[in-house]
């Protein structure tokens, strides 16, 4: 089979190469922190699974506003107040993930 030149010119993904190398090192017993594909090397904690299921059951399956939900902004303000002694009004936040 003859491949098109654009197919023959494709190169492998550097991200996947890094991930593959990290996987091999781990198999060889090396303690590795991989900055490759971004796939967690641990299971999702149960409380997150439970919250995700609850959100789906409650119909929270749409995109959120790009500026963030009121609940997120309130949680950020509370975290900054509690952990950092910083006081912000939730209206001051704009989450642009």
N, C-alpha and C. Protein backbone atom coordinates (compact mmCIF):
# COMPACT_ATOMS: atom_id res chain seq x y z
N UNK A 1 0.84 -1.16 0.00
CA UNK A 1 0.00 0.00 0.00
C UNK A 1 0.89 1.24 0.00
N UNK A 2 0.54 2.20 -0.80
CA UNK A 2 1.30 3.45 -0.87
C UNK A 2 0.59 4.50 -0.01
N UNK A 3 1.35 5.08 0.92
CA UNK A 3 0.80 6.11 1.80
C UNK A 3 1.02 7.49 1.22
N UNK A 4 0.08 8.38 1.48
CA UNK A 4 0.22 9.77 1.04
C UNK A 4 1.42 10.40 1.73
N UNK A 5 2.04 11.35 1.06
CA UNK A 5 3.24 11.99 1.61
C UNK A 5 2.95 12.67 2.95
N UNK A 6 1.77 13.23 3.11
CA UNK A 6 1.44 13.89 4.38
C UNK A 6 1.36 12.88 5.53
N UNK A 7 0.97 11.65 5.22
CA UNK A 7 0.94 10.60 6.23
C UNK A 7 2.36 10.17 6.56
N UNK A 8 3.19 10.03 5.55
CA UNK A 8 4.58 9.61 5.77
C UNK A 8 5.37 10.66 6.54
N UNK A 9 4.94 11.91 6.48
CA UNK A 9 5.69 12.98 7.16
C UNK A 9 5.27 13.17 8.62
N UNK A 10 4.26 12.42 9.07
CA UNK A 10 3.83 12.54 10.46
C UNK A 10 4.93 12.08 11.41
N UNK A 11 5.05 12.78 12.53
CA UNK A 11 6.02 12.37 13.55
C UNK A 11 5.24 11.93 14.79
N UNK A 12 5.88 11.14 15.62
CA UNK A 12 5.21 10.68 16.83
C UNK A 12 5.07 11.83 17.82
N UNK A 13 4.10 11.70 18.69
CA UNK A 13 3.82 12.73 19.69
C UNK A 13 4.89 12.75 20.77
N UNK A 14 5.52 13.91 21.02
CA UNK A 14 6.49 14.01 22.11
C UNK A 14 5.86 13.68 23.47
N UNK A 15 4.60 14.06 23.65
CA UNK A 15 3.91 13.76 24.90
C UNK A 15 3.80 12.26 25.12
N UNK A 16 3.41 11.54 24.07
CA UNK A 16 3.30 10.09 24.20
C UNK A 16 4.66 9.44 24.39
N UNK A 17 5.70 10.01 23.78
CA UNK A 17 7.05 9.47 23.96
C UNK A 17 7.50 9.62 25.41
N UNK A 18 7.22 10.77 26.01
CA UNK A 18 7.57 11.01 27.41
C UNK A 18 6.80 10.04 28.31
N UNK A 19 5.51 9.89 28.03
CA UNK A 19 4.67 8.98 28.81
C UNK A 19 5.18 7.55 28.72
N UNK A 20 5.55 7.13 27.53
CA UNK A 20 6.07 5.77 27.32
C UNK A 20 7.37 5.57 28.10
N UNK A 21 8.25 6.56 28.05
CA UNK A 21 9.53 6.47 28.76
C UNK A 21 9.29 6.40 30.28
N UNK A 22 8.38 7.22 30.79
CA UNK A 22 8.08 7.21 32.22
C UNK A 22 7.50 5.87 32.64
N UNK A 23 6.63 5.31 31.82
CA UNK A 23 6.03 4.00 32.11
C UNK A 23 7.11 2.94 32.19
N UNK A 24 8.04 2.96 31.25
CA UNK A 24 9.13 1.97 31.25
C UNK A 24 10.01 2.13 32.49
N UNK A 25 10.34 3.36 32.84
CA UNK A 25 11.15 3.59 34.03
C UNK A 25 10.45 3.08 35.29
N UNK A 26 9.13 3.33 35.38
CA UNK A 26 8.36 2.85 36.54
C UNK A 26 8.40 1.33 36.61
N UNK A 27 8.27 0.67 35.45
CA UNK A 27 8.33 -0.80 35.41
C UNK A 27 9.68 -1.31 35.89
N UNK A 28 10.72 -0.49 35.71
CA UNK A 28 12.07 -0.86 36.14
C UNK A 28 12.35 -0.44 37.58
N UNK A 29 11.31 0.02 38.29
CA UNK A 29 11.46 0.35 39.70
C UNK A 29 11.92 1.75 40.00
N UNK A 30 12.00 2.60 39.00
CA UNK A 30 12.42 3.98 39.21
C UNK A 30 11.22 4.80 39.69
N UNK A 31 11.43 5.62 40.73
CA UNK A 31 10.37 6.49 41.23
C UNK A 31 10.27 7.69 40.28
N UNK A 32 9.19 7.75 39.52
CA UNK A 32 9.06 8.75 38.46
C UNK A 32 7.82 9.61 38.68
N UNK A 33 7.97 10.91 38.47
CA UNK A 33 6.83 11.81 38.37
C UNK A 33 6.74 12.16 36.89
N UNK A 34 5.71 11.65 36.24
CA UNK A 34 5.58 11.84 34.80
C UNK A 34 4.84 13.13 34.48
N UNK A 35 5.42 13.90 33.58
CA UNK A 35 4.76 15.11 33.08
C UNK A 35 4.33 14.90 31.64
N UNK A 36 3.94 13.68 31.33
CA UNK A 36 3.55 13.32 29.98
C UNK A 36 2.09 13.61 29.70
N UNK A 37 1.32 12.56 29.44
CA UNK A 37 -0.05 12.69 28.92
C UNK A 37 -1.06 13.26 29.91
N UNK A 38 -0.73 13.39 31.15
CA UNK A 38 -1.66 13.97 32.10
C UNK A 38 -2.69 13.00 32.62
N UNK A 39 -2.46 11.73 32.44
CA UNK A 39 -3.36 10.69 32.95
C UNK A 39 -2.97 10.39 34.40
N UNK A 40 -3.89 10.56 35.35
CA UNK A 40 -3.55 10.29 36.75
C UNK A 40 -3.10 8.84 36.94
N UNK A 41 -2.16 8.64 37.85
CA UNK A 41 -1.70 7.28 38.13
C UNK A 41 -2.34 6.76 39.42
N UNK A 42 -3.52 7.30 39.75
CA UNK A 42 -4.26 6.87 40.93
C UNK A 42 -5.74 6.89 40.58
N UNK A 43 -6.52 6.11 41.32
CA UNK A 43 -7.95 6.05 41.07
C UNK A 43 -8.61 7.34 41.56
N UNK A 44 -9.73 7.67 40.97
CA UNK A 44 -10.49 8.83 41.40
C UNK A 44 -11.02 8.57 42.81
N UNK A 45 -10.81 9.50 43.74
CA UNK A 45 -11.31 9.30 45.10
C UNK A 45 -12.83 9.09 45.11
N UNK A 46 -13.30 8.27 46.04
CA UNK A 46 -14.72 7.91 46.08
C UNK A 46 -15.63 9.12 46.23
N UNK A 47 -15.23 10.12 47.04
CA UNK A 47 -16.10 11.27 47.23
C UNK A 47 -16.29 12.05 45.93
N UNK A 48 -15.30 12.03 45.05
CA UNK A 48 -15.45 12.70 43.75
C UNK A 48 -16.37 11.88 42.85
N UNK A 49 -16.22 10.57 42.86
CA UNK A 49 -17.12 9.71 42.08
C UNK A 49 -18.56 9.92 42.53
N UNK A 50 -18.77 9.92 43.85
CA UNK A 50 -20.12 10.10 44.39
C UNK A 50 -20.70 11.46 44.00
N UNK A 51 -19.88 12.50 44.07
CA UNK A 51 -20.35 13.84 43.70
C UNK A 51 -20.67 13.93 42.22
N UNK A 52 -19.86 13.28 41.38
CA UNK A 52 -20.12 13.29 39.94
C UNK A 52 -21.43 12.58 39.62
N UNK A 53 -21.66 11.43 40.25
CA UNK A 53 -22.91 10.69 40.03
C UNK A 53 -24.11 11.54 40.47
N UNK A 54 -23.99 12.17 41.63
CA UNK A 54 -25.07 13.02 42.15
C UNK A 54 -25.34 14.18 41.19
N UNK A 55 -24.29 14.80 40.68
CA UNK A 55 -24.46 15.92 39.75
C UNK A 55 -25.17 15.47 38.48
N UNK A 56 -24.80 14.31 37.95
CA UNK A 56 -25.46 13.78 36.76
C UNK A 56 -26.93 13.50 37.04
N UNK A 57 -27.21 12.88 38.18
CA UNK A 57 -28.59 12.55 38.54
C UNK A 57 -29.44 13.81 38.73
N UNK A 58 -28.80 14.91 39.13
CA UNK A 58 -29.51 16.18 39.33
C UNK A 58 -29.56 17.02 38.06
N UNK A 59 -29.02 16.49 36.96
CA UNK A 59 -29.08 17.19 35.68
C UNK A 59 -28.00 18.23 35.46
N UNK A 60 -26.97 18.22 36.26
CA UNK A 60 -25.87 19.18 36.09
C UNK A 60 -24.90 18.66 35.03
N UNK A 61 -25.36 18.67 33.79
CA UNK A 61 -24.58 18.08 32.70
C UNK A 61 -24.27 19.08 31.59
N UNK A 62 -24.48 20.34 31.84
CA UNK A 62 -24.23 21.38 30.83
C UNK A 62 -22.93 22.12 31.15
N UNK A 63 -22.43 22.84 30.17
CA UNK A 63 -21.28 23.69 30.41
C UNK A 63 -21.66 24.79 31.39
N UNK A 64 -20.71 25.15 32.23
CA UNK A 64 -20.95 26.25 33.16
C UNK A 64 -20.55 27.56 32.48
N UNK A 65 -20.98 28.70 33.03
CA UNK A 65 -20.57 29.98 32.46
C UNK A 65 -19.04 30.12 32.48
N UNK A 66 -18.49 30.73 31.46
CA UNK A 66 -17.02 30.86 31.41
C UNK A 66 -16.49 31.74 32.54
N UNK A 67 -17.35 32.54 33.12
CA UNK A 67 -16.92 33.39 34.24
C UNK A 67 -17.01 32.69 35.58
N UNK A 68 -17.52 31.46 35.59
CA UNK A 68 -17.63 30.69 36.83
C UNK A 68 -19.03 30.74 37.40
N UNK A 69 -19.38 29.70 38.15
CA UNK A 69 -20.71 29.66 38.78
C UNK A 69 -20.68 30.45 40.09
N UNK A 70 -21.84 30.90 40.54
CA UNK A 70 -21.87 31.59 41.84
C UNK A 70 -21.33 30.70 42.97
N UNK A 71 -21.62 29.40 42.90
CA UNK A 71 -21.13 28.48 43.94
C UNK A 71 -19.60 28.40 43.94
N UNK A 72 -19.00 28.36 42.75
CA UNK A 72 -17.54 28.32 42.66
C UNK A 72 -16.93 29.60 43.22
N UNK A 73 -17.48 30.74 42.83
CA UNK A 73 -16.95 32.02 43.30
C UNK A 73 -17.06 32.13 44.82
N UNK A 74 -18.18 31.66 45.38
CA UNK A 74 -18.36 31.69 46.83
C UNK A 74 -17.35 30.77 47.51
N UNK A 75 -17.13 29.59 46.95
CA UNK A 75 -16.16 28.64 47.53
C UNK A 75 -14.75 29.21 47.49
N UNK A 76 -14.39 29.89 46.41
CA UNK A 76 -13.07 30.50 46.31
C UNK A 76 -12.91 31.58 47.38
N UNK A 77 -13.92 32.43 47.52
CA UNK A 77 -13.86 33.50 48.52
C UNK A 77 -13.72 32.91 49.93
N UNK A 78 -14.48 31.86 50.22
CA UNK A 78 -14.40 31.23 51.54
C UNK A 78 -13.04 30.59 51.78
N UNK A 79 -12.48 29.93 50.76
CA UNK A 79 -11.16 29.30 50.89
C UNK A 79 -10.09 30.35 51.17
N UNK A 80 -10.12 31.45 50.42
CA UNK A 80 -9.11 32.51 50.60
C UNK A 80 -9.24 33.16 51.98
N UNK A 81 -10.47 33.34 52.45
CA UNK A 81 -10.68 33.91 53.78
C UNK A 81 -10.17 32.95 54.85
N UNK A 82 -10.56 31.68 54.75
CA UNK A 82 -10.22 30.67 55.77
C UNK A 82 -8.72 30.37 55.80
N UNK A 83 -8.13 30.12 54.64
CA UNK A 83 -6.74 29.64 54.58
C UNK A 83 -5.70 30.74 54.43
N UNK A 84 -6.11 31.90 53.91
CA UNK A 84 -5.13 32.94 53.60
C UNK A 84 -5.43 34.29 54.24
N UNK A 85 -6.50 34.36 55.02
CA UNK A 85 -6.93 35.61 55.65
C UNK A 85 -7.10 36.74 54.63
N UNK A 86 -7.57 36.38 53.45
CA UNK A 86 -7.83 37.36 52.39
C UNK A 86 -9.33 37.49 52.23
N UNK A 87 -9.80 38.71 52.04
CA UNK A 87 -11.24 38.95 51.97
C UNK A 87 -11.60 39.53 50.61
N UNK A 88 -12.35 38.75 49.85
CA UNK A 88 -12.81 39.16 48.53
C UNK A 88 -14.30 38.92 48.42
N UNK A 89 -14.95 39.77 47.67
CA UNK A 89 -16.35 39.54 47.33
C UNK A 89 -16.37 38.56 46.16
N UNK A 90 -17.23 37.54 46.20
CA UNK A 90 -17.28 36.58 45.10
C UNK A 90 -17.47 37.23 43.73
N UNK A 91 -18.09 38.39 43.68
CA UNK A 91 -18.30 39.08 42.40
C UNK A 91 -16.98 39.55 41.78
N UNK A 92 -15.91 39.56 42.56
CA UNK A 92 -14.61 39.98 42.04
C UNK A 92 -13.91 38.89 41.24
N UNK A 93 -14.42 37.67 41.28
CA UNK A 93 -13.75 36.55 40.62
C UNK A 93 -14.30 36.31 39.23
N UNK A 94 -13.39 35.94 38.35
CA UNK A 94 -13.76 35.55 36.98
C UNK A 94 -12.93 34.33 36.64
N UNK A 95 -13.53 33.14 36.68
CA UNK A 95 -12.82 31.89 36.40
C UNK A 95 -12.78 31.66 34.90
N UNK A 96 -11.61 31.76 34.32
CA UNK A 96 -11.45 31.54 32.88
C UNK A 96 -10.74 30.24 32.59
N UNK A 97 -10.72 29.30 33.55
CA UNK A 97 -10.00 28.03 33.47
C UNK A 97 -9.18 28.04 32.23
